[in-house]
Protein backbone atom coordinates (compact mmCIF):
# COMPACT_ATOMS: atom_id res chain seq x y z
CA VAL A 1 125.20 131.66 117.72
CA LEU A 2 127.69 129.88 119.97
CA PHE A 3 127.45 126.75 117.81
CA PHE A 4 128.29 128.58 114.59
CA SER A 5 131.14 130.56 116.13
CA LEU A 6 132.74 127.42 117.53
CA THR A 7 132.58 125.63 114.20
CA GLY A 8 133.98 128.55 112.28
CA PHE A 9 130.75 129.86 110.80
CA SER A 10 128.95 133.08 111.57
CA MET A 11 125.38 133.79 110.66
CA MET A 12 126.54 136.32 108.07
CA SER A 13 128.96 133.86 106.49
CA LEU A 14 126.16 131.31 106.15
CA LEU A 15 123.96 133.90 104.53
CA SER A 16 126.75 134.82 102.14
CA LEU A 17 127.11 131.19 101.16
CA GLY A 18 123.43 131.09 100.31
CA TYR A 19 122.90 128.48 102.96
CA LEU A 20 120.20 130.13 105.03
CA THR A 21 118.28 131.44 102.02
CA TRP A 22 116.23 129.06 99.94
CA ASP A 23 115.11 131.20 97.00
CA LEU A 24 113.98 128.83 94.30
CA MET A 25 114.18 129.33 90.56
CA SER A 26 110.74 129.97 89.12
CA PRO A 27 109.61 128.21 85.92
CA ASN A 28 110.10 131.45 84.00
CA GLN A 29 113.78 131.39 84.86
CA VAL A 30 114.39 127.97 83.30
CA GLU A 31 116.56 128.36 80.24
CA ASN A 32 115.32 126.79 77.04
CA ASP A 33 117.36 123.77 76.03
CA PRO A 34 116.74 122.57 72.45
CA GLU A 35 117.75 119.04 73.40
CA LYS A 36 115.07 118.70 76.09
CA PRO A 37 111.45 117.82 75.26
CA PHE A 38 108.87 120.48 76.04
CA ILE A 39 105.48 120.50 77.71
CA GLY A 40 104.03 123.80 76.52
CA ARG A 41 106.97 126.19 76.80
CA PHE A 42 108.72 124.46 79.73
CA PRO A 43 111.30 121.68 79.29
CA VAL A 44 110.70 118.31 80.91
CA PRO A 45 113.54 117.91 83.44
CA GLN A 46 115.49 114.72 83.90
CA PRO A 47 114.54 112.63 86.95
CA PRO A 48 115.60 114.29 90.20
CA HIS A 49 118.83 113.70 92.04
CA ILE A 50 118.01 111.79 95.23
CA ILE A 51 120.02 112.15 98.42
CA PHE A 52 118.82 109.91 101.23
CA ILE A 53 120.44 110.66 104.59
CA MET A 54 120.02 108.15 107.42
CA THR A 55 121.26 108.58 110.97
CA ASP A 56 121.73 105.74 113.43
CA ASP A 57 119.99 105.69 116.84
CA GLN A 58 118.83 109.32 116.71
CA GLY A 59 115.77 109.53 118.93
CA PHE A 60 112.48 111.36 118.43
CA ASN A 61 113.55 114.10 120.85
CA ASP A 62 117.06 114.45 119.43
CA ILE A 63 116.34 117.24 116.97
CA GLY A 64 115.80 120.94 117.57
CA TYR A 65 112.32 121.26 116.08
CA HIS A 66 110.96 118.81 118.66
CA SER A 67 111.96 121.27 121.40
CA SER A 68 115.06 119.28 122.18
CA ASP A 69 118.02 120.41 124.27
CA ILE A 70 120.15 119.51 121.25
CA ARG A 71 120.79 122.25 118.69
CA THR A 72 120.25 121.32 115.06
CA PRO A 73 119.82 124.60 113.13
CA VAL A 74 120.59 123.02 109.77
CA LEU A 75 118.15 120.13 110.08
CA ASP A 76 115.56 122.49 111.55
CA LYS A 77 115.85 124.86 108.57
CA LEU A 78 115.69 122.08 105.98
CA ALA A 79 112.66 120.55 107.67
CA ALA A 80 110.90 123.89 108.14
CA ASP A 81 111.25 124.73 104.44
CA GLY A 82 110.21 121.22 103.40
CA VAL A 83 107.72 118.72 104.76
CA LYS A 84 108.06 117.29 108.27
CA LEU A 85 106.83 113.71 108.49
CA GLU A 86 105.23 113.44 111.91
CA ASN A 87 103.48 110.12 111.36
CA TYR A 88 106.52 108.28 110.03
CA TYR A 89 107.55 104.77 111.08
CA ILE A 90 110.76 102.81 110.96
CA GLN A 91 112.01 99.65 112.69
CA PRO A 92 113.32 99.39 116.28
CA ILE A 93 116.83 98.20 115.30
CA CYS A 94 119.37 98.66 112.52
CA THR A 95 119.25 95.76 110.04
CA PRO A 96 115.45 95.59 109.67
CA SER A 97 115.18 99.31 108.88
CA ARG A 98 117.91 99.17 106.27
CA SER A 99 116.51 96.01 104.71
CA GLN A 100 113.05 97.54 104.44
CA PHE A 101 114.43 100.72 102.86
CA ILE A 102 116.51 98.75 100.34
CA THR A 103 113.82 96.18 99.41
CA GLY A 104 110.51 97.91 100.11
CA ARG A 105 109.38 94.76 101.93
CA TYR A 106 108.45 93.91 105.49
CA GLN A 107 111.13 91.77 107.11
CA ILE A 108 108.69 88.85 107.39
CA HIS A 109 109.04 88.71 103.58
CA THR A 110 112.85 88.71 103.59
CA GLY A 111 113.51 86.36 106.53
CA LEU A 112 115.13 89.14 108.58
CA GLN A 113 112.36 89.45 111.15
CA HIS A 114 114.58 88.50 114.10
CA SER A 115 117.28 90.73 115.57
CA ILE A 116 120.15 92.04 113.42
CA ILE A 117 122.72 90.43 111.12
CA ARG A 118 125.75 89.88 113.32
CA PRO A 119 129.32 90.05 111.99
CA ARG A 120 129.99 86.29 112.10
CA GLN A 121 126.65 85.15 110.71
CA PRO A 122 126.65 83.75 107.17
CA ASN A 123 123.62 85.84 106.36
CA CYS A 124 122.73 88.86 104.26
CA LEU A 125 119.96 90.49 102.28
CA PRO A 126 118.34 87.64 100.29
CA PHE A 127 119.66 87.38 96.75
CA ASP A 128 116.19 87.08 95.23
CA GLN A 129 115.37 90.67 96.24
CA VAL A 130 115.75 93.37 93.61
CA THR A 131 117.05 96.33 95.57
CA LEU A 132 116.12 100.00 95.29
CA PRO A 133 119.54 101.00 93.85
CA GLN A 134 119.28 98.20 91.28
CA ARG A 135 115.93 99.60 90.15
CA LEU A 136 117.41 103.08 89.98
CA GLN A 137 120.32 101.77 87.93
CA GLU A 138 117.82 100.31 85.49
CA LEU A 139 116.26 103.77 85.24
CA GLY A 140 119.58 105.38 84.36
CA TYR A 141 120.84 106.53 87.74
CA SER A 142 124.40 106.65 88.99
CA THR A 143 124.16 105.06 92.45
CA HIS A 144 126.46 105.52 95.42
CA MET A 145 126.47 104.47 99.05
CA VAL A 146 128.56 106.02 101.81
CA GLY A 147 128.49 104.79 105.41
CA LYS A 148 127.08 101.92 107.43
CA TRP A 149 125.82 98.86 105.50
CA HIS A 150 124.82 96.28 108.16
CA LEU A 151 123.04 94.03 105.67
CA GLY A 152 125.54 91.17 105.68
CA PHE A 153 128.87 90.52 103.98
CA TYR A 154 129.71 86.82 104.34
CA LYS A 155 129.95 86.49 100.55
CA LYS A 156 131.08 89.06 98.01
CA GLU A 157 127.64 88.74 96.46
CA CYS A 158 126.28 90.40 99.61
CA LEU A 159 128.38 93.55 99.30
CA PRO A 160 126.81 96.91 98.39
CA THR A 161 128.63 96.94 95.05
CA ARG A 162 126.89 93.67 94.15
CA ARG A 163 123.47 94.90 95.31
CA GLY A 164 123.08 97.94 93.10
CA PHE A 165 125.61 100.57 94.13
CA ASP A 166 128.20 101.73 91.60
CA THR A 167 130.49 102.78 94.45
CA TYR A 168 130.67 102.09 98.16
CA PHE A 169 132.70 103.60 100.97
CA GLY A 170 131.99 102.70 104.58
CA SER A 171 131.70 100.00 107.25
CA LEU A 172 130.01 96.64 106.77
CA THR A 173 129.22 95.76 110.40
CA GLY A 174 126.91 97.46 112.88
CA SER A 175 129.31 99.41 115.09
CA VAL A 176 132.93 100.57 114.83
CA ASN A 177 135.27 103.06 116.45
CA TYR A 178 134.73 106.49 114.84
CA TYR A 179 138.47 107.03 114.38
CA THR A 180 140.21 103.65 114.18
CA TYR A 181 137.33 101.75 112.48
CA ASP A 182 137.91 98.73 114.68
CA GLY A 183 134.75 96.77 115.35
CA CYS A 184 134.29 93.93 117.83
CA ASP A 185 131.87 91.04 118.10
CA GLY A 186 132.44 89.95 121.65
CA SER A 187 135.62 90.00 123.69
CA GLY A 188 138.76 89.52 121.61
CA LEU A 189 136.95 89.23 118.27
CA CYS A 190 137.88 92.55 116.72
CA GLY A 191 138.84 93.63 113.25
CA PHE A 192 139.22 96.64 110.97
CA ASP A 193 136.06 97.68 109.15
CA LEU A 194 136.37 100.44 106.59
CA HIS A 195 135.97 99.54 102.94
CA GLU A 196 136.45 101.20 99.58
CA GLY A 197 134.37 99.24 97.09
CA GLU A 198 135.30 95.61 97.73
CA SER A 199 138.72 96.37 99.24
CA VAL A 200 139.80 97.23 102.78
CA ALA A 201 140.54 100.98 103.14
CA TRP A 202 143.44 100.67 105.54
CA GLY A 203 144.85 104.13 104.84
CA GLN A 204 141.78 106.07 105.95
CA SER A 205 141.91 105.36 109.69
CA GLY A 206 142.36 108.25 112.08
CA LYS A 207 139.67 110.44 110.50
CA TYR A 208 136.32 110.99 112.23
CA SER A 209 133.72 108.99 110.33
CA THR A 210 131.05 111.72 110.13
CA HIS A 211 133.59 114.05 108.52
CA LEU A 212 135.10 111.31 106.37
CA TYR A 213 131.75 110.23 104.96
CA THR A 214 130.72 113.82 104.28
CA LYS A 215 133.94 114.46 102.44
CA ARG A 216 133.29 111.42 100.24
CA VAL A 217 129.78 112.62 99.37
CA ARG A 218 131.14 116.04 98.42
CA LYS A 219 133.72 114.37 96.21
CA ILE A 220 131.01 112.38 94.43
CA LEU A 221 129.02 115.55 93.84
CA ALA A 222 132.08 117.44 92.61
CA THR A 223 133.11 114.80 90.07
CA HIS A 224 129.69 113.92 88.64
CA ASP A 225 127.94 115.95 85.92
CA PRO A 226 124.45 116.75 87.24
CA GLN A 227 123.15 117.49 83.75
CA SER A 228 124.22 114.20 82.19
CA GLN A 229 122.84 111.60 84.58
CA PRO A 230 120.61 111.59 87.68
CA LEU A 231 122.35 110.70 90.92
CA PHE A 232 121.27 108.59 93.89
CA ILE A 233 123.32 108.81 97.08
CA PHE A 234 122.53 106.81 100.21
CA LEU A 235 124.45 108.52 103.02
CA SER A 236 124.14 106.16 105.98
CA PHE A 237 125.87 107.82 108.94
CA GLN A 238 127.26 105.62 111.67
CA ALA A 239 126.42 108.54 113.99
CA VAL A 240 124.96 108.74 116.54
CA HIS A 241 125.36 105.07 117.45
CA THR A 242 127.76 104.13 120.24
CA PRO A 243 130.65 104.46 120.98
CA LEU A 244 130.08 108.07 122.01
CA GLN A 245 132.98 109.77 120.21
CA TYR A 246 133.25 113.28 118.83
CA PRO A 247 135.78 116.00 117.97
CA ASP A 248 136.23 118.23 121.01
CA GLU A 249 134.89 121.42 119.43
CA TYR A 250 131.35 120.06 119.26
CA ILE A 251 130.90 119.45 122.98
CA TYR A 252 131.50 123.02 124.24
CA PRO A 253 127.89 124.23 123.69
CA TYR A 254 126.66 121.35 125.85
CA LEU A 255 128.87 121.60 128.92
CA GLY A 256 125.82 122.63 130.94
CA LEU A 257 124.07 119.29 130.40
CA GLU A 258 124.25 117.27 133.63
CA ASN A 259 123.78 113.93 131.90
CA VAL A 260 127.29 113.14 130.65
CA ALA A 261 126.10 110.61 128.08
CA ARG A 262 123.58 113.16 126.80
CA ARG A 263 126.33 115.76 126.55
CA LYS A 264 128.51 113.53 124.39
CA TYR A 265 125.57 112.39 122.32
CA ALA A 266 124.53 116.00 121.66
CA ALA A 267 128.02 116.78 120.39
CA MET A 268 127.73 113.93 117.90
CA VAL A 269 124.34 115.17 116.69
CA SER A 270 125.83 118.64 116.16
CA ALA A 271 128.58 117.07 114.04
CA VAL A 272 125.89 115.43 111.91
CA ASP A 273 124.02 118.72 111.62
CA GLU A 274 127.14 120.42 110.28
CA ALA A 275 127.74 117.48 107.92
CA VAL A 276 124.27 117.91 106.42
CA ARG A 277 125.04 121.62 105.99
CA ASN A 278 128.14 120.74 104.00
CA VAL A 279 126.29 118.24 101.81
CA THR A 280 123.50 120.74 101.13
CA TYR A 281 125.99 123.46 100.26
CA ALA A 282 127.73 121.08 97.84
CA LEU A 283 124.40 120.33 96.15
CA ARG A 284 124.01 124.04 95.49
CA LYS A 285 127.62 124.66 94.54
CA TYR A 286 127.78 121.89 91.93
CA GLY A 287 124.36 122.47 90.36
CA TYR A 288 122.19 119.69 91.82
CA TYR A 289 119.91 121.51 94.21
CA GLN A 290 117.16 122.80 91.91
CA ASN A 291 116.41 119.27 90.71
CA SER A 292 117.04 117.36 93.92
CA VAL A 293 115.10 115.58 96.63
CA ILE A 294 116.73 115.42 100.06
CA ILE A 295 115.26 112.87 102.47
CA PHE A 296 116.27 112.64 106.11
CA SER A 297 115.42 109.59 108.22
CA THR A 298 116.51 107.89 111.39
CA ASP A 299 116.83 104.08 111.43
CA ASN A 300 115.31 103.46 114.87
CA GLY A 301 114.54 105.11 118.18
CA GLY A 302 117.14 106.45 120.56
CA GLN A 303 118.85 104.58 123.39
CA PRO A 304 118.56 106.61 126.65
CA LEU A 305 121.47 104.77 128.30
CA SER A 306 123.67 106.14 125.52
CA GLY A 307 122.34 109.70 125.62
CA GLY A 308 119.40 109.40 123.23
CA SER A 309 115.89 110.55 123.99
CA ASN A 310 112.48 109.67 122.60
CA TRP A 311 110.56 111.87 125.03
CA PRO A 312 107.58 112.13 125.31
CA LEU A 313 107.14 108.83 123.47
CA ARG A 314 107.11 105.54 125.36
CA GLY A 315 110.00 103.07 125.14
CA ARG A 316 113.25 103.18 123.23
CA LYS A 317 115.43 101.47 120.66
CA GLY A 318 114.83 97.73 120.43
CA THR A 319 111.16 97.99 121.41
CA TYR A 320 107.86 98.19 119.55
CA TRP A 321 106.60 101.08 121.65
CA GLU A 322 106.41 104.36 119.75
CA GLY A 323 109.81 105.42 121.09
CA GLY A 324 111.42 102.54 119.22
CA ILE A 325 109.60 102.80 115.90
CA ARG A 326 108.33 106.35 115.33
CA GLY A 327 111.10 108.00 113.39
CA LEU A 328 112.41 111.45 112.67
CA GLY A 329 111.84 112.19 109.03
CA PHE A 330 111.44 115.05 106.59
CA VAL A 331 111.70 115.81 102.87
CA HIS A 332 113.31 118.95 101.51
CA SER A 333 113.11 119.72 97.81
CA PRO A 334 112.36 122.55 95.36
CA LEU A 335 110.12 119.98 93.64
CA LEU A 336 107.63 119.80 96.50
CA ARG A 337 104.25 121.26 95.53
CA LYS A 338 103.28 122.33 99.07
CA LYS A 339 106.22 123.24 101.27
CA ARG A 340 106.70 124.56 104.80
CA ARG A 341 104.20 122.28 106.46
CA VAL A 342 103.81 119.31 108.80
CA SER A 343 102.44 116.11 107.28
CA LYS A 344 100.38 113.69 109.35
CA ALA A 345 100.16 111.23 106.46
CA LEU A 346 100.96 107.68 107.53
CA VAL A 347 104.35 106.82 106.00
CA HIS A 348 106.52 103.75 106.53
CA ILE A 349 110.16 103.17 105.65
CA THR A 350 109.14 100.58 103.01
CA ASP A 351 107.33 103.37 101.16
CA TRP A 352 110.59 104.96 100.03
CA TYR A 353 111.19 102.14 97.53
CA PRO A 354 108.08 102.71 95.34
CA THR A 355 108.13 106.46 96.02
CA LEU A 356 111.69 106.91 94.74
CA VAL A 357 111.23 104.50 91.84
CA GLY A 358 108.19 106.54 90.86
CA LEU A 359 110.15 109.81 91.11
CA ALA A 360 112.83 108.25 88.93
CA GLY A 361 110.30 107.60 86.18
CA GLY A 362 109.64 103.93 86.84
CA ASP A 363 106.19 102.46 86.38
CA GLU A 364 104.28 100.32 88.87
CA SER A 365 105.54 97.09 87.33
CA LEU A 366 108.97 97.81 88.84
CA THR A 367 107.54 97.78 92.35
CA GLU A 368 105.10 94.92 92.00
CA GLY A 369 104.97 92.78 95.13
CA VAL A 370 106.61 95.25 97.53
CA ASP A 371 104.94 96.17 100.79
CA GLY A 372 105.51 99.89 100.38
CA TYR A 373 103.28 102.50 98.74
CA ASN A 374 104.14 105.46 96.55
CA ALA A 375 103.66 108.28 99.03
CA TRP A 376 104.92 111.18 96.91
CA GLU A 377 101.52 112.83 96.38
CA ALA A 378 100.82 112.61 100.11
CA ILE A 379 104.20 114.17 100.89
CA SER A 380 104.39 116.73 98.09
CA GLU A 381 100.76 117.74 97.62
CA GLY A 382 99.23 117.02 101.01
CA LYS A 383 96.91 114.30 99.74
CA GLU A 384 95.84 111.40 101.91
CA SER A 385 98.32 108.61 102.35
CA PRO A 386 97.67 105.47 100.28
CA ARG A 387 98.77 103.49 103.34
CA LEU A 388 96.10 102.39 105.81
CA GLU A 389 98.09 100.03 108.05
CA ILE A 390 101.61 98.99 109.00
CA LEU A 391 102.84 95.60 110.09
CA HIS A 392 105.56 96.61 112.52
CA ASN A 393 106.76 93.01 112.77
CA ILE A 394 106.11 89.42 113.77
CA ASP A 395 109.15 87.82 115.43
CA PRO A 396 108.60 84.13 116.22
CA LEU A 397 112.12 83.73 117.69
CA TYR A 398 112.01 86.52 120.24
CA ASN A 399 111.57 85.39 123.85
CA HIS A 400 107.97 84.24 124.19
CA ALA A 401 105.98 86.00 126.90
CA ARG A 402 105.39 83.50 129.69
CA THR A 403 101.82 84.58 130.33
CA GLY A 404 100.78 84.65 126.68
CA SER A 405 98.60 82.03 125.04
CA LEU A 406 96.24 81.29 122.18
CA GLN A 407 93.38 81.48 124.67
CA LYS A 408 94.30 85.03 125.65
CA GLY A 409 94.28 85.83 121.95
CA TYR A 410 90.62 84.78 121.68
CA GLY A 411 91.69 81.60 119.89
CA ILE A 412 92.92 83.74 116.99
CA TRP A 413 96.57 84.44 117.85
CA ASN A 414 99.12 83.22 120.38
CA THR A 415 99.79 86.33 122.44
CA ALA A 416 103.12 84.94 123.65
CA ILE A 417 104.61 85.88 120.25
CA GLN A 418 106.15 89.32 119.86
CA ALA A 419 104.19 91.20 117.21
CA SER A 420 102.83 94.65 116.51
CA ILE A 421 100.53 96.18 113.93
CA ARG A 422 98.92 99.53 113.29
CA ALA A 423 95.67 99.97 111.36
CA GLY A 424 94.23 103.44 111.03
CA ASP A 425 94.31 105.03 114.47
CA TRP A 426 94.74 101.71 116.29
CA LYS A 427 97.94 99.98 117.35
CA LEU A 428 98.13 96.47 118.79
CA LEU A 429 101.09 94.84 120.54
CA THR A 430 101.41 91.21 121.66
CA GLY A 431 104.07 89.23 123.48
CA ASP A 432 106.95 91.18 125.03
CA PRO A 433 107.24 94.59 123.29
CA GLY A 434 110.40 95.49 125.22
CA TYR A 435 111.18 98.08 127.91
CA GLY A 436 108.14 100.35 128.11
CA ASP A 437 108.88 103.31 130.35
CA TRP A 438 108.82 107.04 129.58
CA ILE A 439 112.28 108.55 130.03
CA PRO A 440 112.91 112.32 130.15
CA PRO A 441 116.33 113.13 128.63
CA GLN A 442 117.94 114.44 131.84
CA ILE A 443 116.85 111.66 134.18
CA LEU A 444 120.09 109.66 134.13
CA PRO A 445 123.02 111.95 135.11
CA GLY A 446 124.44 109.41 137.58
CA PHE A 447 121.93 106.60 137.41
CA PRO A 448 123.56 103.23 138.34
CA SER A 449 123.33 100.86 135.38
CA SER A 450 122.50 97.98 137.71
CA TRP A 451 119.23 99.68 138.67
CA TRP A 452 118.36 100.15 135.03
CA LYS A 453 118.97 96.50 134.20
CA GLN A 454 116.86 95.30 137.10
CA GLU A 455 113.90 97.38 135.98
CA ARG A 456 114.09 96.65 132.28
CA HIS A 457 114.19 92.90 132.90
CA THR A 458 110.90 93.04 134.77
CA ARG A 459 108.47 90.95 132.75
CA PRO A 460 105.18 92.63 131.86
CA ARG A 461 102.11 90.85 133.22
CA LYS A 462 100.10 91.57 130.09
CA THR A 463 100.57 90.19 126.60
CA VAL A 464 98.04 92.31 124.68
CA TRP A 465 97.92 96.11 124.45
CA LEU A 466 95.73 98.36 122.32
CA PHE A 467 96.18 102.09 121.84
CA ASN A 468 94.51 104.82 119.84
CA ILE A 469 97.75 106.30 118.55
CA SER A 470 96.17 109.36 116.96
CA GLY A 471 94.59 110.40 120.26
CA ASP A 472 97.21 108.89 122.55
CA PRO A 473 100.59 108.99 120.77
CA ASN A 474 102.45 108.46 124.04
CA GLU A 475 100.67 105.14 124.72
CA ARG A 476 99.46 105.90 128.23
CA TYR A 477 95.95 104.46 127.96
CA ASP A 478 95.62 100.78 127.12
CA LEU A 479 92.17 100.11 125.62
CA SER A 480 92.48 96.37 125.05
CA GLU A 481 89.84 95.48 127.63
CA GLN A 482 87.42 98.22 126.59
CA ARG A 483 87.63 97.40 122.87
CA PRO A 484 87.92 93.62 122.43
CA ASP A 485 86.27 94.01 119.02
CA VAL A 486 89.23 96.03 117.73
CA VAL A 487 91.68 93.61 119.36
CA LYS A 488 90.11 90.67 117.54
CA GLN A 489 90.21 92.46 114.20
CA LEU A 490 93.89 93.28 114.55
CA LEU A 491 94.76 89.78 115.78
CA ALA A 492 93.11 88.49 112.61
CA ARG A 493 95.31 90.82 110.57
CA LEU A 494 98.39 89.37 112.28
CA VAL A 495 97.21 85.90 111.26
CA TYR A 496 96.79 87.12 107.70
CA TYR A 497 100.31 88.55 107.53
CA ASN A 498 101.84 85.56 109.27
CA ARG A 499 100.54 83.29 106.51
CA THR A 500 102.69 85.23 104.04
CA ALA A 501 105.87 85.09 106.15
CA VAL A 502 108.99 83.32 104.95
CA PRO A 503 111.18 81.30 107.37
CA VAL A 504 113.47 83.31 109.62
CA ARG A 505 117.07 83.59 108.39
CA TYR A 506 119.18 83.57 111.56
CA PRO A 507 122.07 81.10 111.10
CA SER A 508 124.65 80.11 113.68
CA GLU A 509 127.91 82.02 113.82
CA ASP A 510 130.69 80.81 111.55
CA PRO A 511 134.19 80.70 113.14
CA ARG A 512 135.77 81.36 109.74
CA ALA A 513 134.54 84.96 109.97
CA ASP A 514 137.08 85.77 112.71
CA PRO A 515 139.17 88.74 111.48
CA TYR A 516 142.26 86.97 112.87
CA LEU A 517 141.81 84.44 110.08
CA ASN A 518 141.20 87.12 107.43
CA GLY A 519 144.11 89.52 107.61
CA GLY A 520 142.76 91.46 110.57
CA ALA A 521 139.65 92.85 108.87
CA TRP A 522 135.96 92.06 108.65
CA VAL A 523 135.68 90.79 105.08
CA PRO A 524 133.70 88.13 103.15
CA TRP A 525 134.89 84.67 104.16
CA VAL A 526 132.73 82.32 102.07
CA VAL A 527 133.42 81.78 98.37
CA ASP A 528 130.45 82.76 96.23
CA GLU A 529 130.10 79.27 94.78
CA GLU A 530 129.76 77.65 98.20
CA GLU A 531 126.30 76.32 98.93
CA ASP A 532 124.35 78.11 101.63
CA ASN A 533 124.14 75.14 103.97
CA TRP A 534 124.72 76.49 107.43
CA GLY A 535 125.52 73.10 109.00
CA SER A 536 128.37 72.38 106.58
CA PHE A 537 130.31 75.36 107.92
CA PHE A 538 131.22 73.47 111.08
CA GLN A 539 132.49 70.15 109.72
CA LYS A 540 136.22 70.79 109.21
CA LYS A 541 138.46 67.98 110.46
CA SER A 542 142.00 69.28 110.85
CA MET A 543 143.46 69.51 114.38
CA ASP A 544 144.22 73.22 113.95
CA TRP A 545 140.64 73.81 112.90
CA LYS A 546 139.30 71.89 115.90
CA LYS A 547 141.29 74.10 118.23
CA LYS A 548 139.95 77.19 116.50
CA LEU A 549 136.44 75.76 116.62
CA LYS A 550 136.74 75.06 120.35
CA LEU A 551 137.88 78.63 120.87
CA SER A 552 135.07 79.95 118.69
CA LYS A 553 132.49 77.98 120.70
CA SER A 554 133.69 79.55 123.93
CA ARG A 555 133.56 82.95 122.27
CA SER A 556 130.11 82.13 120.92
CA PHE A 557 128.92 81.28 124.44
CA PHE A 558 130.04 84.66 125.77
CA GLY A 559 128.69 86.34 122.65
CA LYS A 560 125.27 84.77 123.21
CA LEU A 561 125.41 85.72 126.88
CA LYS A 562 126.14 89.28 125.82
CA THR A 563 123.31 89.07 123.29
CA ARG A 564 120.82 88.14 126.02
CA ILE A 565 122.03 90.95 128.25
CA MET A 566 122.02 93.49 125.41
CA SER A 567 118.94 92.19 123.60
CA ASN A 568 117.18 95.51 124.03
CA ILE A 569 120.23 97.64 123.36
CA VAL A 570 121.69 96.56 119.99
């Protein structure tokens, strides 16, 4: 009640808007349209409008229906009246999750299996990948993206408008100021990052990004005719990623939280909750709702140092423990056959590609070769998931575990390599999975960061773990020694997947990306015709260029130092 009164909404006003009631139109209420084909006496509707909402760094315990200390009445209501996905997996960091959603492929098949795409890297989503929005365009959809891209921008060919979106409004890098839209890549390397299509949106600074992005989505809905063409909107919130910024009115309900970072973080989640309310109301107001599918997903686990919480799951963002890769997710739609339930079907973020293409009317030939499965019947009708296993990742560049070896992997797999796979109830991890503690949300009200860093840099003595995730979702009982037979089977599956992997795409930073050299903004800096030969980027000969290169090398050194320190935070 306090939340709604502070944001200008009472319970009665929400009811009057039709927001808290979800009465659906029955088939008998569908008006006959002579221009629509009929099955019996009911018209065949056009493909559904698809609204995919992704939040950034929202942890498993950062939503009301998981008994959180954060209030999310809107998300709770949407999830309760839809299908909660409680066996849903994502990636532990930003770029891999977005790449898997957009391509339907594991990152070992796109070359993005290591870390994220950094602002100065001449790297982006591979051009040979046909993206989800491109498929939807082929099927007659109007496609729009609003928010965080983080899939590379060194060439114009990499931009969202060249990868299947009719319009784009948002930020290209991984993290910016919520008001000024300045983003930095190391000390002194900062630039403006808000874009309208393929141009810099200088005039939009000063507006809080969660509100700004919501306003853009409402504008798209208001100006499009829902009866003429199906709509796909990818709303990729920058929230609740750091920096922890929020309009003041959202923090008042959380003044009792002792953990200051948690307090600020909760305010940002509440802003997102209200934003989703506004988007949902617009879907109803402009005539989309009855033929719409709303999907909510996080991109990775929460970061406890920044206020997030994955409790009671183990680990956090940047790790392959459940806290880093088990995501919040739900589907809300009048088109669901069986609503108001919790689904335990195994679903992975790559599954959205074939699922949405299927909903759009595409046949299986349009998703041939992807790693995802069409999970709509599992989600909508409660059938078993077509997915039996998930390759969480194989990262050959991540710091090799010192105590790992081929011998410890039974001669099947080098356990020094960071990898993780789930098959059925079983989950295997090798190498260094990342910080693996269990962190209650209120444990860090004044916790010195130096203590945290000392503990999280402690190297694990093991390099193989096995868990029965169905019986032990919090990963407290390692069964690797009791069940070597299962370990061997899963190590063999890692070998199988590794044989299909493409080389890692992780080029050196290019000094030409510096916003100082590009009008003060993060923008494409390589002409589209230029060959993708990473070494050639550093062979300029002019004296001015050498000075800039020397400066860029020093910046690169500090950037890499920061990368090592923050390797489990980004």
